N, C-alpha and C. Protein backbone atom coordinates (compact mmCIF):
# COMPACT_ATOMS: atom_id res chain seq x y z
N MET A 1 61.39 28.06 -4.86
CA MET A 1 62.25 27.17 -5.64
C MET A 1 61.53 25.87 -5.99
N ALA A 2 60.70 25.37 -5.06
CA ALA A 2 59.98 24.12 -5.31
C ALA A 2 59.02 24.27 -6.48
N ILE A 3 58.36 25.43 -6.58
CA ILE A 3 57.42 25.65 -7.69
C ILE A 3 58.18 25.69 -9.01
N THR A 4 59.32 26.35 -9.03
CA THR A 4 60.13 26.42 -10.25
C THR A 4 60.57 25.03 -10.68
N LYS A 5 61.03 24.22 -9.73
CA LYS A 5 61.46 22.86 -10.05
C LYS A 5 60.30 22.04 -10.60
N THR A 6 59.15 22.16 -9.97
CA THR A 6 57.96 21.44 -10.41
C THR A 6 57.60 21.82 -11.85
N ILE A 7 57.58 23.10 -12.13
CA ILE A 7 57.23 23.57 -13.47
C ILE A 7 58.25 23.09 -14.49
N LEU A 8 59.54 23.15 -14.14
CA LEU A 8 60.57 22.67 -15.06
C LEU A 8 60.43 21.18 -15.36
N ILE A 9 60.08 20.39 -14.37
CA ILE A 9 59.88 18.96 -14.59
C ILE A 9 58.70 18.75 -15.53
N PHE A 10 57.61 19.51 -15.34
CA PHE A 10 56.47 19.39 -16.26
C PHE A 10 56.88 19.76 -17.68
N ILE A 11 57.69 20.79 -17.83
CA ILE A 11 58.13 21.22 -19.17
C ILE A 11 59.02 20.16 -19.81
N VAL A 12 59.97 19.63 -19.06
CA VAL A 12 60.85 18.58 -19.60
C VAL A 12 60.03 17.35 -19.99
N ALA A 13 59.10 16.96 -19.13
CA ALA A 13 58.23 15.81 -19.44
C ALA A 13 57.45 16.07 -20.72
N GLY A 14 56.92 17.27 -20.84
CA GLY A 14 56.15 17.62 -22.04
C GLY A 14 56.99 17.60 -23.30
N LEU A 15 58.19 18.13 -23.21
CA LEU A 15 59.07 18.12 -24.38
C LEU A 15 59.45 16.69 -24.77
N CYS A 16 59.63 15.84 -23.77
CA CYS A 16 59.93 14.43 -24.07
C CYS A 16 58.74 13.77 -24.77
N GLU A 17 57.55 13.94 -24.23
CA GLU A 17 56.39 13.27 -24.83
C GLU A 17 56.06 13.85 -26.20
N ILE A 18 56.03 15.15 -26.31
CA ILE A 18 55.67 15.77 -27.59
C ILE A 18 56.78 15.55 -28.61
N GLY A 19 58.03 15.74 -28.19
CA GLY A 19 59.15 15.53 -29.11
C GLY A 19 59.25 14.10 -29.58
N GLY A 20 59.10 13.15 -28.65
CA GLY A 20 59.15 11.74 -29.03
C GLY A 20 58.00 11.38 -29.95
N GLY A 21 56.81 11.83 -29.61
CA GLY A 21 55.66 11.56 -30.46
C GLY A 21 55.80 12.21 -31.83
N TYR A 22 56.38 13.39 -31.87
CA TYR A 22 56.59 14.09 -33.14
C TYR A 22 57.54 13.32 -34.05
N LEU A 23 58.59 12.73 -33.47
CA LEU A 23 59.52 11.95 -34.28
C LEU A 23 58.84 10.71 -34.86
N VAL A 24 58.00 10.06 -34.08
CA VAL A 24 57.23 8.93 -34.60
C VAL A 24 56.27 9.41 -35.69
N TRP A 25 55.62 10.53 -35.44
CA TRP A 25 54.70 11.13 -36.41
C TRP A 25 55.40 11.37 -37.74
N LEU A 26 56.61 11.95 -37.68
CA LEU A 26 57.34 12.23 -38.92
C LEU A 26 57.62 10.95 -39.70
N THR A 27 57.93 9.87 -38.99
CA THR A 27 58.20 8.60 -39.66
C THR A 27 56.94 8.06 -40.33
N ILE A 28 55.85 8.04 -39.60
CA ILE A 28 54.62 7.43 -40.11
C ILE A 28 53.92 8.34 -41.13
N LYS A 29 53.77 9.60 -40.81
CA LYS A 29 52.99 10.51 -41.65
C LYS A 29 53.78 11.13 -42.80
N ASP A 30 55.07 11.38 -42.57
CA ASP A 30 55.86 12.08 -43.59
C ASP A 30 56.91 11.19 -44.25
N GLY A 31 56.92 9.91 -43.92
CA GLY A 31 57.84 8.99 -44.58
C GLY A 31 59.31 9.21 -44.24
N LYS A 32 59.59 9.79 -43.10
CA LYS A 32 60.98 10.01 -42.69
C LYS A 32 61.61 8.69 -42.25
N SER A 33 62.88 8.72 -41.97
CA SER A 33 63.63 7.53 -41.60
C SER A 33 63.01 6.81 -40.41
N PRO A 34 62.94 5.48 -40.48
CA PRO A 34 62.45 4.71 -39.34
C PRO A 34 63.28 4.93 -38.07
N TRP A 35 64.52 5.37 -38.23
CA TRP A 35 65.35 5.65 -37.07
C TRP A 35 64.79 6.78 -36.24
N LEU A 36 64.06 7.69 -36.88
CA LEU A 36 63.42 8.76 -36.11
C LEU A 36 62.35 8.18 -35.19
N ALA A 37 61.64 7.16 -35.66
CA ALA A 37 60.64 6.51 -34.81
C ALA A 37 61.30 5.78 -33.65
N VAL A 38 62.45 5.17 -33.90
CA VAL A 38 63.18 4.49 -32.83
C VAL A 38 63.64 5.51 -31.79
N LEU A 39 64.21 6.60 -32.26
CA LEU A 39 64.65 7.66 -31.35
C LEU A 39 63.44 8.25 -30.60
N GLY A 40 62.36 8.49 -31.32
CA GLY A 40 61.16 9.02 -30.69
C GLY A 40 60.63 8.09 -29.62
N SER A 41 60.67 6.79 -29.88
CA SER A 41 60.22 5.80 -28.89
C SER A 41 61.08 5.84 -27.63
N ALA A 42 62.38 6.00 -27.82
CA ALA A 42 63.29 6.10 -26.67
C ALA A 42 62.98 7.36 -25.85
N VAL A 43 62.70 8.45 -26.53
CA VAL A 43 62.38 9.69 -25.83
C VAL A 43 61.05 9.55 -25.09
N LEU A 44 60.10 8.83 -25.68
CA LEU A 44 58.82 8.59 -25.00
C LEU A 44 59.02 7.75 -23.73
N ILE A 45 59.93 6.80 -23.77
CA ILE A 45 60.25 6.03 -22.56
C ILE A 45 60.85 6.95 -21.51
N LEU A 46 61.74 7.83 -21.93
CA LEU A 46 62.34 8.80 -21.01
C LEU A 46 61.26 9.65 -20.33
N TYR A 47 60.24 10.03 -21.09
CA TYR A 47 59.15 10.81 -20.53
C TYR A 47 58.55 10.10 -19.31
N GLY A 48 58.35 8.80 -19.40
CA GLY A 48 57.78 8.06 -18.28
C GLY A 48 58.59 8.18 -17.01
N PHE A 49 59.90 8.25 -17.15
CA PHE A 49 60.76 8.39 -15.99
C PHE A 49 60.79 9.83 -15.47
N VAL A 50 60.80 10.78 -16.38
CA VAL A 50 60.82 12.19 -15.97
C VAL A 50 59.59 12.52 -15.13
N ALA A 51 58.45 12.01 -15.54
CA ALA A 51 57.21 12.32 -14.81
C ALA A 51 57.27 11.85 -13.36
N THR A 52 58.02 10.80 -13.09
CA THR A 52 58.10 10.28 -11.72
C THR A 52 58.94 11.16 -10.80
N MET A 53 59.57 12.18 -11.34
CA MET A 53 60.39 13.07 -10.53
C MET A 53 59.53 14.06 -9.72
N GLN A 54 58.23 14.14 -10.04
CA GLN A 54 57.34 15.03 -9.30
C GLN A 54 57.10 14.47 -7.90
N THR A 55 56.78 15.36 -6.97
CA THR A 55 56.63 14.95 -5.57
C THR A 55 55.19 14.63 -5.19
N SER A 56 54.23 15.02 -6.00
CA SER A 56 52.83 14.77 -5.66
C SER A 56 52.42 13.36 -6.09
N ASN A 57 51.15 13.04 -5.86
CA ASN A 57 50.67 11.71 -6.23
C ASN A 57 50.37 11.63 -7.73
N PHE A 58 50.17 10.40 -8.20
CA PHE A 58 49.99 10.13 -9.62
C PHE A 58 48.84 10.96 -10.21
N ALA A 59 47.70 10.98 -9.54
CA ALA A 59 46.52 11.66 -10.08
C ALA A 59 46.79 13.14 -10.32
N ARG A 60 47.34 13.81 -9.33
CA ARG A 60 47.59 15.26 -9.49
C ARG A 60 48.70 15.54 -10.50
N VAL A 61 49.73 14.70 -10.49
CA VAL A 61 50.82 14.90 -11.46
C VAL A 61 50.30 14.77 -12.88
N TYR A 62 49.58 13.71 -13.18
CA TYR A 62 49.14 13.50 -14.56
C TYR A 62 48.02 14.46 -14.96
N ALA A 63 47.16 14.83 -14.04
CA ALA A 63 46.13 15.82 -14.35
C ALA A 63 46.78 17.17 -14.67
N THR A 64 47.73 17.56 -13.84
CA THR A 64 48.42 18.83 -14.06
C THR A 64 49.26 18.78 -15.32
N TYR A 65 49.93 17.66 -15.54
CA TYR A 65 50.73 17.51 -16.75
C TYR A 65 49.87 17.70 -18.00
N GLY A 66 48.61 17.25 -17.94
CA GLY A 66 47.72 17.43 -19.08
C GLY A 66 47.60 18.88 -19.50
N GLY A 67 47.53 19.78 -18.54
CA GLY A 67 47.47 21.20 -18.85
C GLY A 67 48.76 21.71 -19.50
N PHE A 68 49.88 21.26 -18.95
CA PHE A 68 51.16 21.64 -19.56
C PHE A 68 51.29 21.07 -20.97
N PHE A 69 50.78 19.84 -21.15
CA PHE A 69 50.83 19.21 -22.46
C PHE A 69 50.06 20.04 -23.48
N ILE A 70 48.90 20.53 -23.10
CA ILE A 70 48.11 21.37 -24.01
C ILE A 70 48.89 22.61 -24.42
N MET A 71 49.45 23.31 -23.43
CA MET A 71 50.21 24.52 -23.72
C MET A 71 51.43 24.22 -24.60
N LEU A 72 52.18 23.18 -24.22
CA LEU A 72 53.39 22.85 -24.97
C LEU A 72 53.08 22.35 -26.37
N SER A 73 51.93 21.71 -26.56
CA SER A 73 51.54 21.26 -27.89
C SER A 73 51.35 22.44 -28.83
N PHE A 74 50.71 23.48 -28.34
CA PHE A 74 50.54 24.68 -29.16
C PHE A 74 51.88 25.35 -29.44
N LEU A 75 52.75 25.42 -28.43
CA LEU A 75 54.07 26.03 -28.65
C LEU A 75 54.89 25.21 -29.65
N TRP A 76 54.83 23.88 -29.53
CA TRP A 76 55.56 23.00 -30.46
C TRP A 76 55.06 23.20 -31.89
N ALA A 77 53.73 23.21 -32.06
CA ALA A 77 53.15 23.38 -33.39
C ALA A 77 53.50 24.75 -33.97
N TYR A 78 53.54 25.77 -33.12
CA TYR A 78 53.93 27.10 -33.56
C TYR A 78 55.36 27.10 -34.07
N LYS A 79 56.24 26.47 -33.31
CA LYS A 79 57.66 26.47 -33.65
C LYS A 79 57.99 25.57 -34.85
N PHE A 80 57.41 24.36 -34.88
CA PHE A 80 57.84 23.38 -35.87
C PHE A 80 56.88 23.19 -37.04
N ASP A 81 55.62 23.59 -36.90
CA ASP A 81 54.65 23.39 -37.98
C ASP A 81 54.02 24.70 -38.47
N ASN A 82 54.56 25.82 -38.01
CA ASN A 82 54.05 27.14 -38.41
C ASN A 82 52.55 27.30 -38.14
N PHE A 83 52.09 26.69 -37.07
CA PHE A 83 50.70 26.80 -36.65
C PHE A 83 50.55 28.05 -35.81
N ILE A 84 49.55 28.85 -36.13
CA ILE A 84 49.29 30.06 -35.36
C ILE A 84 48.02 29.85 -34.54
N PRO A 85 48.15 29.75 -33.21
CA PRO A 85 46.95 29.58 -32.40
C PRO A 85 46.09 30.84 -32.46
N ASP A 86 44.77 30.64 -32.47
CA ASP A 86 43.88 31.80 -32.47
C ASP A 86 43.54 32.19 -31.03
N LYS A 87 42.74 33.23 -30.89
CA LYS A 87 42.45 33.75 -29.54
C LYS A 87 41.73 32.71 -28.69
N PHE A 88 40.93 31.85 -29.30
CA PHE A 88 40.22 30.84 -28.53
C PHE A 88 41.18 29.76 -28.04
N ASP A 89 42.18 29.43 -28.84
CA ASP A 89 43.22 28.51 -28.38
C ASP A 89 43.93 29.09 -27.16
N LEU A 90 44.29 30.36 -27.24
CA LEU A 90 45.02 31.01 -26.15
C LEU A 90 44.16 31.15 -24.90
N ILE A 91 42.90 31.48 -25.07
CA ILE A 91 41.99 31.56 -23.92
C ILE A 91 41.86 30.18 -23.28
N GLY A 92 41.71 29.16 -24.10
CA GLY A 92 41.60 27.80 -23.57
C GLY A 92 42.83 27.38 -22.80
N VAL A 93 44.01 27.71 -23.34
CA VAL A 93 45.26 27.38 -22.64
C VAL A 93 45.32 28.10 -21.30
N ALA A 94 44.95 29.37 -21.28
CA ALA A 94 44.97 30.13 -20.02
C ALA A 94 44.03 29.50 -18.99
N ILE A 95 42.85 29.12 -19.42
CA ILE A 95 41.90 28.49 -18.50
C ILE A 95 42.46 27.18 -17.95
N VAL A 96 43.02 26.38 -18.84
CA VAL A 96 43.58 25.09 -18.42
C VAL A 96 44.72 25.30 -17.42
N LEU A 97 45.61 26.25 -17.69
CA LEU A 97 46.74 26.48 -16.79
C LEU A 97 46.28 26.98 -15.42
N ILE A 98 45.26 27.80 -15.41
CA ILE A 98 44.70 28.23 -14.12
C ILE A 98 44.14 27.02 -13.38
N GLY A 99 43.42 26.18 -14.10
CA GLY A 99 42.85 24.98 -13.49
C GLY A 99 43.90 24.05 -12.91
N VAL A 100 44.96 23.80 -13.67
CA VAL A 100 45.97 22.87 -13.15
C VAL A 100 46.78 23.48 -12.03
N ALA A 101 46.93 24.81 -12.03
CA ALA A 101 47.61 25.46 -10.90
C ALA A 101 46.81 25.25 -9.62
N ILE A 102 45.48 25.33 -9.73
CA ILE A 102 44.64 25.08 -8.56
C ILE A 102 44.77 23.63 -8.12
N ILE A 103 44.70 22.70 -9.08
CA ILE A 103 44.80 21.28 -8.75
C ILE A 103 46.12 20.97 -8.04
N TYR A 104 47.21 21.46 -8.57
CA TYR A 104 48.52 21.04 -8.08
C TYR A 104 49.02 21.85 -6.88
N PHE A 105 48.77 23.15 -6.89
CA PHE A 105 49.41 24.01 -5.90
C PHE A 105 48.50 24.49 -4.77
N ALA A 106 47.22 24.17 -4.82
CA ALA A 106 46.31 24.63 -3.77
C ALA A 106 46.72 24.03 -2.42
N PRO A 107 46.71 24.86 -1.37
CA PRO A 107 47.04 24.31 -0.05
C PRO A 107 45.96 23.34 0.40
N ARG A 108 46.40 22.25 0.97
CA ARG A 108 45.48 21.24 1.45
C ARG A 108 45.75 20.98 2.92
N SER A 109 44.71 20.62 3.64
CA SER A 109 44.88 20.37 5.08
C SER A 109 45.31 18.96 5.36
């Protein structure tokens, strides 16, 4: 159960950071309403609080989150920008996720 909770927190944090950043992106790059940037900024602030829900130390949380961020960025782009990751993108994501699993979940003495 602890692993599931940890992974869910990483996913929620990623959605907050990517979603908030995307709303700001739409305002600046696509000329959308400035209110989207305000909302995006609020969601980015929320991300900072969600990340603190993890039980490990700052270094491991943020290093591991980086791997989730990479994976979620590709999923977000696939869903919202019709971006199709190629096999090298997918291989890279798999390598990163294996790496962060070792960083975060490896037993330590």
